[in-house]
Amino acid sequence: FQGRLARVLLDAGAATAAAWAEHEA
């Protein structure tokens, strides 16, 4: 039952993908 933490977890995964995509670009 994450509550407000759920948004933090979503954003953490998005940040990882963004960093990799920028590196590959």
PDB file of all heavy atoms in Angstrom:
ATOM      1  N   PHE A   1       0.850  -1.185   0.000  1.00  0.00           N
ATOM      2  CA  PHE A   1       0.000   0.000   0.000  1.00  0.00           C
ATOM      3  C   PHE A   1       0.886   1.236   0.000  1.00  0.00           C
ATOM      4  O   PHE A   1       1.197   1.812   1.039  1.00  0.00           O
ATOM      5  CB  PHE A   1      -0.924  -0.011   1.222  1.00  0.00           C
ATOM      6  CG  PHE A   1      -1.696  -1.296   1.371  1.00  0.00           C
ATOM      7  CD1 PHE A   1      -1.309  -2.245   2.296  1.00  0.00           C
ATOM      8  CD2 PHE A   1      -2.781  -1.555   0.561  1.00  0.00           C
ATOM      9  CE1 PHE A   1      -2.010  -3.431   2.424  1.00  0.00           C
ATOM     10  CE2 PHE A   1      -3.495  -2.742   0.680  1.00  0.00           C
ATOM     11  CZ  PHE A   1      -3.106  -3.684   1.612  1.00  0.00           C
ATOM     12  N   GLN A   2       1.285   1.695  -1.217  1.00  0.00           N
ATOM     13  CA  GLN A   2       2.299   2.747  -1.316  1.00  0.00           C
ATOM     14  C   GLN A   2       1.784   4.144  -1.004  1.00  0.00           C
ATOM     15  O   GLN A   2       2.519   4.979  -0.530  1.00  0.00           O
ATOM     16  CB  GLN A   2       2.915   2.755  -2.734  1.00  0.00           C
ATOM     17  CG  GLN A   2       3.809   1.582  -3.018  1.00  0.00           C
ATOM     18  CD  GLN A   2       3.025   0.426  -3.611  1.00  0.00           C
ATOM     19  OE1 GLN A   2       1.808   0.489  -3.722  1.00  0.00           O
ATOM     20  NE2 GLN A   2       3.708  -0.630  -3.979  1.00  0.00           N
ATOM     21  N   GLY A   3       0.532   4.447  -1.334  1.00  0.00           N
ATOM     22  CA  GLY A   3       0.018   5.786  -1.111  1.00  0.00           C
ATOM     23  C   GLY A   3       0.777   6.817  -1.932  1.00  0.00           C
ATOM     24  O   GLY A   3       0.990   6.659  -3.136  1.00  0.00           O
ATOM     25  N   ARG A   4       1.222   7.889  -1.290  1.00  0.00           N
ATOM     26  CA  ARG A   4       1.920   8.970  -1.994  1.00  0.00           C
ATOM     27  C   ARG A   4       3.251   8.524  -2.575  1.00  0.00           C
ATOM     28  O   ARG A   4       3.777   9.162  -3.487  1.00  0.00           O
ATOM     29  CB  ARG A   4       2.144  10.136  -1.034  1.00  0.00           C
ATOM     30  CG  ARG A   4       0.854  10.793  -0.556  1.00  0.00           C
ATOM     31  CD  ARG A   4       1.144  11.922   0.402  1.00  0.00           C
ATOM     32  NE  ARG A   4      -0.088  12.529   0.902  1.00  0.00           N
ATOM     33  CZ  ARG A   4      -0.118  13.501   1.797  1.00  0.00           C
ATOM     34  NH1 ARG A   4       1.022  13.972   2.309  1.00  0.00           N
ATOM     35  NH2 ARG A   4      -1.261  14.004   2.186  1.00  0.00           N
ATOM     36  N   LEU A   5       3.806   7.457  -2.061  1.00  0.00           N
ATOM     37  CA  LEU A   5       5.096   6.973  -2.542  1.00  0.00           C
ATOM     38  C   LEU A   5       5.016   6.479  -3.985  1.00  0.00           C
ATOM     39  O   LEU A   5       6.025   6.462  -4.700  1.00  0.00           O
ATOM     40  CB  LEU A   5       5.584   5.842  -1.627  1.00  0.00           C
ATOM     41  CG  LEU A   5       6.981   5.279  -1.868  1.00  0.00           C
ATOM     42  CD1 LEU A   5       8.030   6.364  -1.739  1.00  0.00           C
ATOM     43  CD2 LEU A   5       7.251   4.142  -0.887  1.00  0.00           C
ATOM     44  N   ALA A   6       3.838   6.119  -4.450  1.00  0.00           N
ATOM     45  CA  ALA A   6       3.692   5.558  -5.792  1.00  0.00           C
ATOM     46  C   ALA A   6       4.217   6.514  -6.855  1.00  0.00           C
ATOM     47  O   ALA A   6       4.885   6.100  -7.811  1.00  0.00           O
ATOM     48  CB  ALA A   6       2.233   5.212  -6.062  1.00  0.00           C
ATOM     49  N   ARG A   7       3.931   7.802  -6.732  1.00  0.00           N
ATOM     50  CA  ARG A   7       4.413   8.787  -7.700  1.00  0.00           C
ATOM     51  C   ARG A   7       5.928   8.877  -7.686  1.00  0.00           C
ATOM     52  O   ARG A   7       6.565   8.989  -8.744  1.00  0.00           O
ATOM     53  CB  ARG A   7       3.779  10.151  -7.407  1.00  0.00           C
ATOM     54  CG  ARG A   7       4.372  11.304  -8.198  1.00  0.00           C
ATOM     55  CD  ARG A   7       4.428  11.072  -9.688  1.00  0.00           C
ATOM     56  NE  ARG A   7       3.104  10.969 -10.283  1.00  0.00           N
ATOM     57  CZ  ARG A   7       2.898  10.715 -11.578  1.00  0.00           C
ATOM     58  NH1 ARG A   7       3.931  10.478 -12.383  1.00  0.00           N
ATOM     59  NH2 ARG A   7       1.682  10.636 -12.047  1.00  0.00           N
ATOM     60  N   VAL A   8       6.523   8.793  -6.513  1.00  0.00           N
ATOM     61  CA  VAL A   8       7.982   8.821  -6.404  1.00  0.00           C
ATOM     62  C   VAL A   8       8.594   7.637  -7.152  1.00  0.00           C
ATOM     63  O   VAL A   8       9.605   7.768  -7.857  1.00  0.00           O
ATOM     64  CB  VAL A   8       8.412   8.794  -4.920  1.00  0.00           C
ATOM     65  CG1 VAL A   8       9.935   8.696  -4.789  1.00  0.00           C
ATOM     66  CG2 VAL A   8       7.892  10.031  -4.194  1.00  0.00           C
ATOM     67  N   LEU A   9       7.970   6.464  -7.034  1.00  0.00           N
ATOM     68  CA  LEU A   9       8.480   5.264  -7.688  1.00  0.00           C
ATOM     69  C   LEU A   9       8.353   5.374  -9.206  1.00  0.00           C
ATOM     70  O   LEU A   9       9.275   4.994  -9.945  1.00  0.00           O
ATOM     71  CB  LEU A   9       7.716   4.038  -7.183  1.00  0.00           C
ATOM     72  CG  LEU A   9       7.723   3.818  -5.671  1.00  0.00           C
ATOM     73  CD1 LEU A   9       6.842   2.630  -5.302  1.00  0.00           C
ATOM     74  CD2 LEU A   9       9.131   3.608  -5.155  1.00  0.00           C
ATOM     75  N   LEU A  10       7.226   5.873  -9.697  1.00  0.00           N
ATOM     76  CA  LEU A  10       7.051   6.084 -11.129  1.00  0.00           C
ATOM     77  C   LEU A  10       8.117   7.025 -11.675  1.00  0.00           C
ATOM     78  O   LEU A  10       8.731   6.763 -12.725  1.00  0.00           O
ATOM     79  CB  LEU A  10       5.661   6.663 -11.413  1.00  0.00           C
ATOM     80  CG  LEU A  10       4.478   5.704 -11.448  1.00  0.00           C
ATOM     81  CD1 LEU A  10       3.174   6.467 -11.302  1.00  0.00           C
ATOM     82  CD2 LEU A  10       4.469   4.900 -12.740  1.00  0.00           C
ATOM     83  N   ASP A  11       8.355   8.116 -10.963  1.00  0.00           N
ATOM     84  CA  ASP A  11       9.325   9.115 -11.416  1.00  0.00           C
ATOM     85  C   ASP A  11      10.753   8.565 -11.408  1.00  0.00           C
ATOM     86  O   ASP A  11      11.564   8.931 -12.268  1.00  0.00           O
ATOM     87  CB  ASP A  11       9.248  10.364 -10.539  1.00  0.00           C
ATOM     88  CG  ASP A  11       7.951  11.147 -10.756  1.00  0.00           C
ATOM     89  OD1 ASP A  11       7.257  10.896 -11.766  1.00  0.00           O
ATOM     90  OD2 ASP A  11       7.626  12.013  -9.911  1.00  0.00           O
ATOM     91  N   ALA A  12      11.054   7.692 -10.455  1.00  0.00           N
ATOM     92  CA  ALA A  12      12.400   7.109 -10.396  1.00  0.00           C
ATOM     93  C   ALA A  12      12.671   6.258 -11.636  1.00  0.00           C
ATOM     94  O   ALA A  12      13.756   6.337 -12.242  1.00  0.00           O
ATOM     95  CB  ALA A  12      12.550   6.271  -9.131  1.00  0.00           C
ATOM     96  N   GLY A  13      11.700   5.450 -12.036  1.00  0.00           N
ATOM     97  CA  GLY A  13      11.873   4.651 -13.242  1.00  0.00           C
ATOM     98  C   GLY A  13      11.986   5.517 -14.478  1.00  0.00           C
ATOM     99  O   GLY A  13      12.800   5.238 -15.376  1.00  0.00           O
ATOM    100  N   ALA A  14      11.177   6.586 -14.548  1.00  0.00           N
ATOM    101  CA  ALA A  14      11.224   7.489 -15.696  1.00  0.00           C
ATOM    102  C   ALA A  14      12.580   8.179 -15.798  1.00  0.00           C
ATOM    103  O   ALA A  14      13.119   8.351 -16.901  1.00  0.00           O
ATOM    104  CB  ALA A  14      10.109   8.529 -15.585  1.00  0.00           C
ATOM    105  N   ALA A  15      13.144   8.569 -14.663  1.00  0.00           N
ATOM    106  CA  ALA A  15      14.443   9.243 -14.674  1.00  0.00           C
ATOM    107  C   ALA A  15      15.540   8.320 -15.206  1.00  0.00           C
ATOM    108  O   ALA A  15      16.441   8.754 -15.935  1.00  0.00           O
ATOM    109  CB  ALA A  15      14.789   9.724 -13.267  1.00  0.00           C
ATOM    110  N   THR A  16      15.480   7.040 -14.851  1.00  0.00           N
ATOM    111  CA  THR A  16      16.466   6.071 -15.352  1.00  0.00           C
ATOM    112  C   THR A  16      16.372   5.940 -16.867  1.00  0.00           C
ATOM    113  O   THR A  16      17.387   5.926 -17.571  1.00  0.00           O
ATOM    114  CB  THR A  16      16.253   4.701 -14.695  1.00  0.00           C
ATOM    115  OG1 THR A  16      16.350   4.835 -13.281  1.00  0.00           O
ATOM    116  CG2 THR A  16      17.288   3.694 -15.175  1.00  0.00           C
ATOM    117  N   ALA A  17      15.152   5.840 -17.383  1.00  0.00           N
ATOM    118  CA  ALA A  17      14.959   5.725 -18.832  1.00  0.00           C
ATOM    119  C   ALA A  17      15.420   6.982 -19.548  1.00  0.00           C
ATOM    120  O   ALA A  17      16.044   6.905 -20.618  1.00  0.00           O
ATOM    121  CB  ALA A  17      13.483   5.447 -19.141  1.00  0.00           C
ATOM    122  N   ALA A  18      15.123   8.149 -18.973  1.00  0.00           N
ATOM    123  CA  ALA A  18      15.518   9.406 -19.596  1.00  0.00           C
ATOM    124  C   ALA A  18      17.033   9.511 -19.691  1.00  0.00           C
ATOM    125  O   ALA A  18      17.567   9.924 -20.733  1.00  0.00           O
ATOM    126  CB  ALA A  18      14.943  10.578 -18.798  1.00  0.00           C
ATOM    127  N   ALA A  19      17.726   9.166 -18.619  1.00  0.00           N
ATOM    128  CA  ALA A  19      19.193   9.251 -18.615  1.00  0.00           C
ATOM    129  C   ALA A  19      19.795   8.331 -19.668  1.00  0.00           C
ATOM    130  O   ALA A  19      20.741   8.699 -20.391  1.00  0.00           O
ATOM    131  CB  ALA A  19      19.726   8.906 -17.230  1.00  0.00           C
ATOM    132  N   TRP A  20      19.255   7.106 -19.785  1.00  0.00           N
ATOM    133  CA  TRP A  20      19.787   6.161 -20.780  1.00  0.00           C
ATOM    134  C   TRP A  20      19.497   6.646 -22.203  1.00  0.00           C
ATOM    135  O   TRP A  20      20.365   6.587 -23.078  1.00  0.00           O
ATOM    136  CB  TRP A  20      19.186   4.777 -20.566  1.00  0.00           C
ATOM    137  CG  TRP A  20      19.698   3.787 -21.582  1.00  0.00           C
ATOM    138  CD1 TRP A  20      20.923   3.209 -21.650  1.00  0.00           C
ATOM    139  CD2 TRP A  20      18.955   3.301 -22.711  1.00  0.00           C
ATOM    140  NE1 TRP A  20      21.007   2.366 -22.728  1.00  0.00           N
ATOM    141  CE2 TRP A  20      19.823   2.398 -23.408  1.00  0.00           C
ATOM    142  CE3 TRP A  20      17.677   3.515 -23.198  1.00  0.00           C
ATOM    143  CZ2 TRP A  20      19.426   1.734 -24.568  1.00  0.00           C
ATOM    144  CZ3 TRP A  20      17.277   2.847 -24.354  1.00  0.00           C
ATOM    145  CH2 TRP A  20      18.145   1.972 -25.028  1.00  0.00           C
ATOM    146  N   ALA A  21      18.276   7.119 -22.440  1.00  0.00           N
ATOM    147  CA  ALA A  21      17.904   7.574 -23.782  1.00  0.00           C
ATOM    148  C   ALA A  21      18.760   8.764 -24.207  1.00  0.00           C
ATOM    149  O   ALA A  21      19.188   8.856 -25.371  1.00  0.00           O
ATOM    150  CB  ALA A  21      16.421   7.952 -23.819  1.00  0.00           C
ATOM    151  N   GLU A  22      19.031   9.678 -23.290  1.00  0.00           N
ATOM    152  CA  GLU A  22      19.889  10.836 -23.610  1.00  0.00           C
ATOM    153  C   GLU A  22      21.313  10.395 -23.905  1.00  0.00           C
ATOM    154  O   GLU A  22      21.971  10.916 -24.807  1.00  0.00           O
ATOM    155  CB  GLU A  22      19.864  11.823 -22.455  1.00  0.00           C
ATOM    156  CG  GLU A  22      18.519  12.556 -22.320  1.00  0.00           C
ATOM    157  CD  GLU A  22      18.434  13.388 -21.060  1.00  0.00           C
ATOM    158  OE1 GLU A  22      19.449  13.454 -20.324  1.00  0.00           O
ATOM    159  OE2 GLU A  22      17.356  13.964 -20.798  1.00  0.00           O
ATOM    160  N   HIS A  23      21.793   9.417 -23.145  1.00  0.00           N
ATOM    161  CA  HIS A  23      23.142   8.884 -23.393  1.00  0.00           C
ATOM    162  C   HIS A  23      23.218   8.243 -24.769  1.00  0.00           C
ATOM    163  O   HIS A  23      24.185   8.446 -25.524  1.00  0.00           O
ATOM    164  CB  HIS A  23      23.504   7.869 -22.316  1.00  0.00           C
ATOM    165  CG  HIS A  23      24.823   7.209 -22.531  1.00  0.00           C
ATOM    166  ND1 HIS A  23      24.971   6.017 -23.233  1.00  0.00           N
ATOM    167  CD2 HIS A  23      26.082   7.572 -22.157  1.00  0.00           C
ATOM    168  CE1 HIS A  23      26.233   5.688 -23.281  1.00  0.00           C
ATOM    169  NE2 HIS A  23      26.936   6.597 -22.622  1.00  0.00           N
ATOM    170  N   GLU A  24      22.199   7.452 -25.124  1.00  0.00           N
ATOM    171  CA  GLU A  24      22.194   6.781 -26.424  1.00  0.00           C
ATOM    172  C   GLU A  24      22.067   7.785 -27.562  1.00  0.00           C
ATOM    173  O   GLU A  24      22.689   7.594 -28.622  1.00  0.00           O
ATOM    174  CB  GLU A  24      21.045   5.772 -26.485  1.00  0.00           C
ATOM    175  CG  GLU A  24      21.255   4.546 -25.626  1.00  0.00           C
ATOM    176  CD  GLU A  24      22.476   3.743 -26.075  1.00  0.00           C
ATOM    177  OE1 GLU A  24      22.397   3.117 -27.160  1.00  0.00           O
ATOM    178  OE2 GLU A  24      23.487   3.738 -25.352  1.00  0.00           O
ATOM    179  N   ALA A  25      21.292   8.852 -27.350  1.00  0.00           N
ATOM    180  CA  ALA A  25      21.126   9.865 -28.395  1.00  0.00           C
ATOM    181  C   ALA A  25      22.440  10.605 -28.655  1.00  0.00           C
ATOM    182  O   ALA A  25      22.683  11.082 -29.768  1.00  0.00           O
ATOM    183  CB  ALA A  25      20.039  10.851 -27.999  1.00  0.00           C
TER     184      ALA A  25
END
